[in-house]
Protein backbone atom coordinates (compact mmCIF):
# COMPACT_ATOMS: atom_id res chain seq x y z
CA UNK A 1 49.58 248.87 -34.64
CA UNK A 2 52.25 247.60 -37.02
CA UNK A 3 54.16 245.04 -34.97
CA UNK A 4 57.19 245.28 -37.24
CA UNK A 5 57.54 248.95 -36.29
CA UNK A 6 57.93 248.27 -32.56
CA UNK A 7 61.09 249.92 -31.29
CA UNK A 8 61.52 248.53 -27.79
CA UNK A 9 64.59 246.59 -26.71
CA UNK A 10 62.32 243.90 -25.28
CA UNK A 11 60.68 243.27 -28.65
CA UNK A 12 64.05 242.98 -30.40
CA UNK A 13 65.38 240.76 -27.63
CA UNK A 14 62.48 238.35 -28.00
CA UNK A 15 62.86 238.26 -31.79
CA UNK A 16 66.63 237.72 -31.75
CA UNK A 17 66.46 234.54 -29.68
CA UNK A 18 66.58 231.99 -32.53
CA UNK A 19 69.84 233.57 -33.75
CA UNK A 20 71.30 233.67 -30.24
CA UNK A 21 70.56 229.99 -29.70
CA UNK A 22 72.87 229.21 -32.62
CA UNK A 23 75.52 231.54 -31.20
CA UNK A 24 75.19 229.97 -27.76
CA UNK A 25 75.66 226.53 -29.28
CA UNK A 26 78.79 227.73 -31.08
CA UNK A 27 80.29 229.05 -27.85
CA UNK A 28 79.67 225.77 -26.02
CA UNK A 29 80.95 223.73 -28.98
CA UNK A 30 84.14 225.79 -29.16
CA UNK A 31 84.76 225.05 -25.49
CA UNK A 32 84.02 221.34 -25.81
CA UNK A 33 87.46 220.20 -24.64
CA UNK A 34 87.61 222.66 -21.74
CA UNK A 35 84.15 221.66 -20.54
CA UNK A 36 84.84 217.94 -20.98
CA UNK A 37 88.09 218.19 -19.03
CA UNK A 38 86.37 220.12 -16.25
CA UNK A 39 83.53 217.61 -15.97
CA UNK A 40 85.97 214.69 -15.97
CA UNK A 41 87.89 216.22 -13.09
CA UNK A 42 85.06 217.50 -10.93
CA UNK A 43 81.92 215.50 -11.70
CA UNK A 44 81.26 211.98 -10.43
CA UNK A 45 78.02 210.27 -9.46
CA UNK A 46 78.44 211.22 -5.80
CA UNK A 47 78.58 214.95 -6.60
CA UNK A 48 75.41 216.90 -5.85
CA UNK A 49 74.61 219.35 -8.65
CA UNK A 50 72.90 222.50 -7.39
CA UNK A 51 71.49 224.97 -9.90
CA UNK A 52 71.15 228.44 -8.47
CA UNK A 53 70.07 231.89 -9.58
CA UNK A 54 67.68 234.65 -8.58
CA UNK A 55 64.24 235.25 -10.06
CA UNK A 56 64.06 234.10 -13.67
CA UNK A 57 67.56 232.58 -13.44
CA UNK A 58 66.40 230.32 -10.61
CA UNK A 59 63.63 228.83 -12.73
CA UNK A 60 66.23 227.25 -15.01
CA UNK A 61 67.18 224.88 -12.20
CA UNK A 62 63.53 223.90 -11.76
CA UNK A 63 63.49 222.90 -15.42
CA UNK A 64 66.85 221.12 -15.31
CA UNK A 65 65.77 218.88 -12.42
CA UNK A 66 63.38 217.27 -14.91
CA UNK A 67 65.71 217.41 -17.93
CA UNK A 68 68.92 215.89 -16.54
CA UNK A 69 67.42 212.56 -15.43
CA UNK A 70 66.81 211.91 -19.14
CA UNK A 71 70.63 211.83 -19.38
CA UNK A 72 70.92 209.52 -16.34
CA UNK A 73 71.96 212.39 -14.04
CA UNK A 74 69.81 212.22 -10.92
CA UNK A 75 71.62 213.90 -8.03
CA UNK A 76 70.26 217.38 -8.75
CA UNK A 77 68.77 220.22 -6.74
CA UNK A 78 67.43 223.63 -7.64
CA UNK A 79 68.00 226.24 -4.93
CA UNK A 80 67.58 229.99 -5.51
CA UNK A 81 70.49 232.20 -4.51
CA UNK A 82 67.98 234.03 -2.33
CA UNK A 83 67.65 230.86 -0.22
CA UNK A 84 71.36 230.06 -0.20
CA UNK A 85 72.14 233.57 1.05
CA UNK A 86 69.88 233.21 4.09
CA UNK A 87 70.10 229.45 4.80
CA UNK A 88 73.40 228.11 3.39
CA UNK A 89 73.75 225.34 5.96
CA UNK A 90 70.44 223.87 4.84
CA UNK A 91 71.85 223.07 1.42
CA UNK A 92 75.58 222.45 1.94
CA UNK A 93 77.43 220.02 4.22
CA UNK A 94 81.18 220.07 4.63
CA UNK A 95 81.65 216.33 4.07
CA UNK A 96 79.75 216.11 0.77
CA UNK A 97 80.77 217.03 -2.77
CA UNK A 98 78.97 219.69 -4.78
CA UNK A 99 78.93 221.32 -8.17
CA UNK A 100 77.28 224.74 -7.95
CA UNK A 101 75.88 225.94 -11.28
CA UNK A 102 75.37 229.69 -10.99
CA UNK A 103 73.15 231.27 -13.63
CA UNK A 104 72.91 235.03 -14.10
CA UNK A 105 72.25 237.71 -16.66
CA UNK A 106 74.29 240.55 -15.16
CA UNK A 107 76.02 238.56 -12.43
CA UNK A 108 75.74 241.62 -10.21
CA UNK A 109 72.91 240.60 -7.88
CA UNK A 110 74.23 240.58 -4.30
CA UNK A 111 72.66 237.17 -3.65
CA UNK A 112 74.53 235.62 -6.60
CA UNK A 113 77.86 236.54 -5.07
CA UNK A 114 76.72 235.63 -1.57
CA UNK A 115 75.67 232.15 -2.73
CA UNK A 116 79.14 231.45 -4.12
CA UNK A 117 80.88 232.82 -1.05
CA UNK A 118 78.63 230.95 1.40
CA UNK A 119 79.07 227.68 -0.48
CA UNK A 120 82.85 228.07 -0.57
CA UNK A 121 83.04 228.85 3.14
CA UNK A 122 81.14 225.69 4.05
CA UNK A 123 82.45 223.22 1.48
CA UNK A 124 86.09 224.24 1.06
CA UNK A 125 87.72 221.90 -1.45
CA UNK A 126 84.56 219.82 -1.83
CA UNK A 127 82.91 222.19 -4.26
CA UNK A 128 83.34 223.12 -7.91
CA UNK A 129 81.59 225.87 -9.82
CA UNK A 130 80.10 226.35 -13.26
CA UNK A 131 79.28 230.02 -13.77
CA UNK A 132 77.13 230.85 -16.78
CA UNK A 133 76.48 234.54 -17.32
CA UNK A 134 75.64 237.04 -20.04
CA UNK A 135 78.00 239.71 -18.67
CA UNK A 136 81.76 239.25 -18.91
CA UNK A 137 82.40 242.18 -16.57
CA UNK A 138 79.91 241.20 -13.86
CA UNK A 139 80.88 240.34 -10.31
CA UNK A 140 80.00 236.67 -10.81
CA UNK A 141 82.41 236.38 -13.75
CA UNK A 142 85.15 237.90 -11.60
CA UNK A 143 84.69 235.08 -9.06
CA UNK A 144 85.75 232.43 -11.60
CA UNK A 145 89.48 232.63 -10.91
CA UNK A 146 90.33 229.24 -9.42
CA UNK A 147 90.89 225.88 -11.06
CA UNK A 148 87.63 224.54 -9.65
CA UNK A 149 85.56 227.18 -11.50
CA UNK A 150 84.43 226.99 -15.12
CA UNK A 151 83.26 230.31 -16.58
CA UNK A 152 81.03 230.46 -19.64
CA UNK A 153 80.15 233.87 -21.10
CA UNK A 154 77.19 233.86 -23.46
CA UNK A 155 76.88 236.12 -26.54
CA UNK A 156 76.83 239.85 -25.66
CA UNK A 157 73.31 240.31 -27.03
CA UNK A 158 71.95 237.87 -24.45
CA UNK A 159 72.59 240.57 -21.83
CA UNK A 160 69.13 242.06 -22.33
CA UNK A 161 68.80 245.83 -22.06
CA UNK A 162 65.12 245.57 -21.14
CA UNK A 163 64.04 244.88 -17.58
CA UNK A 164 62.59 241.46 -18.36
CA UNK A 165 64.91 238.51 -19.00
CA UNK A 166 64.11 237.08 -22.43
CA UNK A 167 67.17 236.26 -24.58
CA UNK A 168 69.14 235.71 -21.41
CA UNK A 169 66.69 233.16 -20.00
CA UNK A 170 66.45 230.95 -23.08
CA UNK A 171 70.19 231.13 -23.79
CA UNK A 172 71.12 230.32 -20.18
CA UNK A 173 68.71 227.38 -20.28
CA UNK A 174 70.07 226.10 -23.58
CA UNK A 175 73.67 226.44 -22.36
CA UNK A 176 72.81 224.44 -19.24
CA UNK A 177 71.34 221.64 -21.34
CA UNK A 178 74.32 221.55 -23.70
CA UNK A 179 76.98 221.57 -20.98
CA UNK A 180 75.62 218.46 -19.33
CA UNK A 181 75.49 216.66 -22.67
CA UNK A 182 78.91 217.85 -23.79
CA UNK A 183 80.07 214.46 -25.07
CA UNK A 184 77.47 214.68 -27.84
CA UNK A 185 77.88 218.38 -28.61
CA UNK A 186 79.26 217.80 -32.12
CA UNK A 187 76.08 215.89 -33.01
CA UNK A 188 73.73 218.63 -31.84
CA UNK A 189 74.18 221.33 -34.49
CA UNK A 190 71.31 220.11 -36.66
CA UNK A 191 69.02 220.01 -33.64
CA UNK A 192 69.91 223.59 -32.74
CA UNK A 193 69.26 224.66 -36.33
CA UNK A 194 65.82 223.02 -36.16
CA UNK A 195 65.14 224.63 -32.79
CA UNK A 196 66.05 228.01 -34.24
CA UNK A 197 63.77 227.47 -37.23
CA UNK A 198 60.87 226.55 -34.98
CA UNK A 199 61.46 229.59 -32.80
CA UNK A 200 61.54 231.90 -35.82
CA UNK A 201 58.28 230.45 -37.07
CA UNK A 202 56.52 230.72 -33.71
CA UNK A 203 57.56 234.35 -33.17
CA UNK A 204 56.72 235.60 -36.67
CA UNK A 205 53.76 233.31 -37.24
CA UNK A 206 51.89 233.99 -34.01
CA UNK A 207 52.82 237.55 -33.04
CA UNK A 208 49.75 239.15 -34.66
CA UNK A 209 47.36 236.66 -33.04
CA UNK A 210 48.93 237.09 -29.61
CA UNK A 211 48.82 240.87 -30.05
CA UNK A 212 45.06 240.67 -30.63
CA UNK A 213 44.58 238.50 -27.55
CA UNK A 214 46.68 240.89 -25.47
CA UNK A 215 44.39 243.72 -26.54
CA UNK A 216 41.38 242.01 -24.97
CA UNK A 217 40.29 242.72 -21.42
CA UNK A 218 41.67 240.37 -18.77
CA UNK A 219 42.99 240.82 -15.25
CA UNK A 220 44.40 237.42 -14.37
CA UNK A 221 46.44 234.76 -16.13
CA UNK A 222 47.35 231.19 -15.25
CA UNK A 223 50.10 229.15 -16.90
CA UNK A 224 50.05 225.37 -16.43
CA UNK A 225 52.74 222.83 -17.29
CA UNK A 226 53.79 219.31 -16.30
CA UNK A 227 57.36 218.26 -15.51
CA UNK A 228 59.91 220.59 -17.09
CA UNK A 229 57.06 222.65 -18.55
CA UNK A 230 56.05 223.68 -15.04
CA UNK A 231 59.34 225.59 -14.83
CA UNK A 232 58.50 227.22 -18.16
CA UNK A 233 55.05 228.09 -16.79
CA UNK A 234 56.79 229.69 -13.82
CA UNK A 235 58.83 231.90 -16.13
CA UNK A 236 55.78 232.75 -18.27
CA UNK A 237 53.79 233.87 -15.25
CA UNK A 238 56.60 236.18 -14.13
CA UNK A 239 57.06 237.65 -17.62
CA UNK A 240 53.43 238.67 -17.96
CA UNK A 241 53.18 239.94 -14.40
CA UNK A 242 56.35 242.05 -14.41
CA UNK A 243 55.83 243.43 -17.93
CA UNK A 244 52.35 244.61 -16.90
CA UNK A 245 53.65 246.10 -13.62
CA UNK A 246 51.42 243.73 -11.67
CA UNK A 247 48.25 244.96 -13.36
CA UNK A 248 47.72 241.40 -14.57
CA UNK A 249 48.05 239.03 -11.62
CA UNK A 250 49.54 235.70 -12.69
CA UNK A 251 49.82 232.20 -11.27
CA UNK A 252 51.55 229.03 -12.42
CA UNK A 253 51.17 225.40 -11.42
CA UNK A 254 51.27 221.82 -12.64
CA UNK A 255 48.06 220.48 -14.15
CA UNK A 256 47.49 218.09 -11.26
CA UNK A 257 48.55 220.61 -8.64
CA UNK A 258 46.16 223.28 -9.92
CA UNK A 259 43.14 221.35 -8.64
CA UNK A 260 44.35 221.54 -5.06
CA UNK A 261 43.12 225.03 -4.28
CA UNK A 262 44.66 227.37 -6.90
CA UNK A 263 41.83 226.62 -9.37
CA UNK A 264 39.68 229.03 -7.35
CA UNK A 265 41.38 231.91 -9.19
CA UNK A 266 39.52 231.27 -12.45
CA UNK A 267 36.85 233.79 -13.37
CA UNK A 268 35.50 235.51 -16.48
CA UNK A 269 38.56 237.81 -16.56
CA UNK A 270 41.16 235.01 -16.58
CA UNK A 271 43.46 233.83 -19.37
CA UNK A 272 44.47 230.17 -19.12
CA UNK A 273 47.58 229.02 -20.98
CA UNK A 274 48.16 225.27 -21.22
CA UNK A 275 51.72 224.11 -21.97
CA UNK A 276 50.87 220.62 -23.16
CA UNK A 277 53.10 217.57 -22.92
CA UNK A 278 54.04 215.43 -25.89
CA UNK A 279 53.98 212.35 -23.63
CA UNK A 280 50.61 210.69 -24.19
CA UNK A 281 50.12 209.47 -20.63
CA UNK A 282 50.95 212.88 -19.18
CA UNK A 283 48.63 214.54 -21.70
CA UNK A 284 45.72 212.44 -20.44
CA UNK A 285 46.02 214.13 -17.04
CA UNK A 286 46.23 217.53 -18.71
CA UNK A 287 43.21 216.88 -20.92
CA UNK A 288 41.12 215.80 -17.91
CA UNK A 289 41.79 219.08 -16.12
CA UNK A 290 40.97 221.15 -19.21
CA UNK A 291 37.66 219.31 -19.56
CA UNK A 292 36.87 219.84 -15.88
CA UNK A 293 37.65 223.56 -16.08
CA UNK A 294 35.32 223.93 -19.06
CA UNK A 295 32.50 222.16 -17.23
CA UNK A 296 32.84 224.65 -14.40
CA UNK A 297 33.63 228.38 -14.70
CA UNK A 298 34.98 228.89 -18.18
CA UNK A 299 37.88 231.37 -18.42
CA UNK A 300 37.84 234.38 -20.74
CA UNK A 301 40.58 233.06 -23.02
CA UNK A 302 42.17 229.64 -23.47
CA UNK A 303 45.49 229.07 -25.23
CA UNK A 304 47.58 225.97 -25.64
CA UNK A 305 51.15 225.42 -26.77
CA UNK A 306 52.06 221.95 -28.01
CA UNK A 307 54.27 220.09 -30.45
CA UNK A 308 51.26 219.08 -32.54
CA UNK A 309 47.56 219.85 -32.82
CA UNK A 310 45.49 218.53 -29.91
CA UNK A 311 41.86 217.50 -30.06
CA UNK A 312 39.89 217.85 -26.82
CA UNK A 313 36.16 217.12 -26.94
CA UNK A 314 33.96 220.14 -27.67
CA UNK A 315 36.58 222.70 -26.64
CA UNK A 316 37.44 225.58 -28.91
CA UNK A 317 40.71 227.28 -28.04
CA UNK A 318 41.31 230.96 -28.72
CA UNK A 319 44.85 230.17 -29.86
CA UNK A 320 46.69 226.98 -30.73
CA UNK A 321 50.44 227.70 -30.77
CA UNK A 322 52.24 224.91 -32.62
CA UNK A 323 55.75 225.01 -34.14
CA UNK A 324 56.37 224.41 -37.79
CA UNK A 325 56.72 220.72 -38.57
CA UNK A 326 60.41 220.17 -38.02
CA UNK A 327 61.51 216.98 -36.30
CA UNK A 328 61.47 217.30 -32.53
CA UNK A 329 64.65 218.19 -30.68
CA UNK A 330 65.84 217.62 -27.13
CA UNK A 331 65.53 221.37 -26.54
CA UNK A 332 61.97 222.07 -27.69
CA UNK A 333 60.80 222.90 -24.18
CA UNK A 334 62.53 226.27 -24.68
CA UNK A 335 59.95 227.20 -27.32
CA UNK A 336 57.11 227.11 -24.81
CA UNK A 337 58.29 230.29 -23.09
CA UNK A 338 57.60 232.37 -26.20
CA UNK A 339 53.89 232.63 -25.36
CA UNK A 340 54.69 234.22 -21.99
CA UNK A 341 57.22 236.62 -23.49
CA UNK A 342 55.00 237.78 -26.34
CA UNK A 343 51.83 238.00 -24.26
CA UNK A 344 53.73 240.02 -21.65
CA UNK A 345 55.21 242.37 -24.24
CA UNK A 346 51.94 243.05 -26.02
CA UNK A 347 49.86 243.41 -22.86
CA UNK A 348 52.42 245.89 -21.57
CA UNK A 349 51.94 247.95 -24.73
CA UNK A 350 48.15 247.61 -24.47
CA UNK A 351 48.32 249.06 -20.94
CA UNK A 352 50.40 252.02 -22.21
CA UNK A 353 53.46 250.92 -20.25
CA UNK A 354 57.09 250.95 -21.38
CA UNK A 355 58.00 247.25 -21.84
CA UNK A 356 61.68 248.06 -21.30
CA UNK A 357 60.93 249.65 -17.94
CA UNK A 358 57.34 248.78 -17.02
CA UNK A 359 57.57 249.49 -13.29
CA UNK A 360 56.06 252.96 -13.02
CA UNK A 361 56.82 253.24 -9.30
CA UNK A 362 60.26 251.63 -9.48
CA UNK A 363 59.19 248.65 -7.35
CA UNK A 364 61.24 246.34 -9.56
CA UNK A 365 64.42 247.04 -11.52
CA UNK A 366 66.71 245.31 -14.01
CA UNK A 367 69.27 244.50 -11.29
CA UNK A 368 67.77 244.04 -7.84
CA UNK A 369 68.28 246.94 -5.46
CA UNK A 370 68.17 247.34 -1.70
CA UNK A 371 69.78 244.00 -0.72
CA UNK A 372 72.32 244.00 2.10
CA UNK A 373 74.23 240.76 2.69
CA UNK A 374 74.91 240.07 6.37
């Protein structure tokens, strides 16, 4: 198959991401003063930042809990809207201050609105909101009417037409990173340009190889990552599983956590994807697990994604996914999700599914259905 001839929205939405990252940066940079003023008024060290979203959008918070401490921001939680809707009093107390960061593609999921409403009802004046969405006409965007709410609408093309969140996920993640480093936004353009260049290279340079791997026979896939890469692994596992309509069962974990039971999933029909750290001490833990796995039941396919080539004794990987040699940026973790997106897309095609709407029975849909808020 000629990859360049693919005509699915999902394929285009994966390929357009490097361009949309530049556009997302421009939107945040244009709103520098508005964002800075909002943060000055509503954020102090005693404010608890809660990232929230449903499904893919919720994974962004899991990544940000590892990213923000690098900027000396520590009072962070990641709580899915699906948990806030059912257990709001577990996460909010009336006498504490909160900043709720709501992340959404459409902004129309019932839980997204319920999370905002529940938080407001408990916290009153002790809460502020940052609402980041890809849909300017969604219900979430309509909630941003008060002074304590900052609304950020991402480029229209981030509002993916396909079922799977691709452009939306990476752009929402990038926007979250930029907002909480807004004082340095004017210095970040070159980094975003480098990030975009790396993304372009990884998509065009590895698509054919990933397509060939996706055409092989496998039934399970495991994505492993440490720290913020665990959140990326979480997104990768969902991409492959939903784009194959559950025909490929996927797991994710940290490298150390995988030993504690989940490793039993490995068999001769398993793909293992290692999202490797560029921190040398962390990589030592990751290398040890890879060596142990290969001494035991070797998986069908092994892939790693890393900033640079990794040598691990006597192990031959089926794919080494490494960005072009630009200088590293603070946002490179975003690149690691491309393996999950591309593998999911191509395996969906291999299984004769429609990547834009892979759920043959309608079990899953672009905007969640069947939710009643009580």
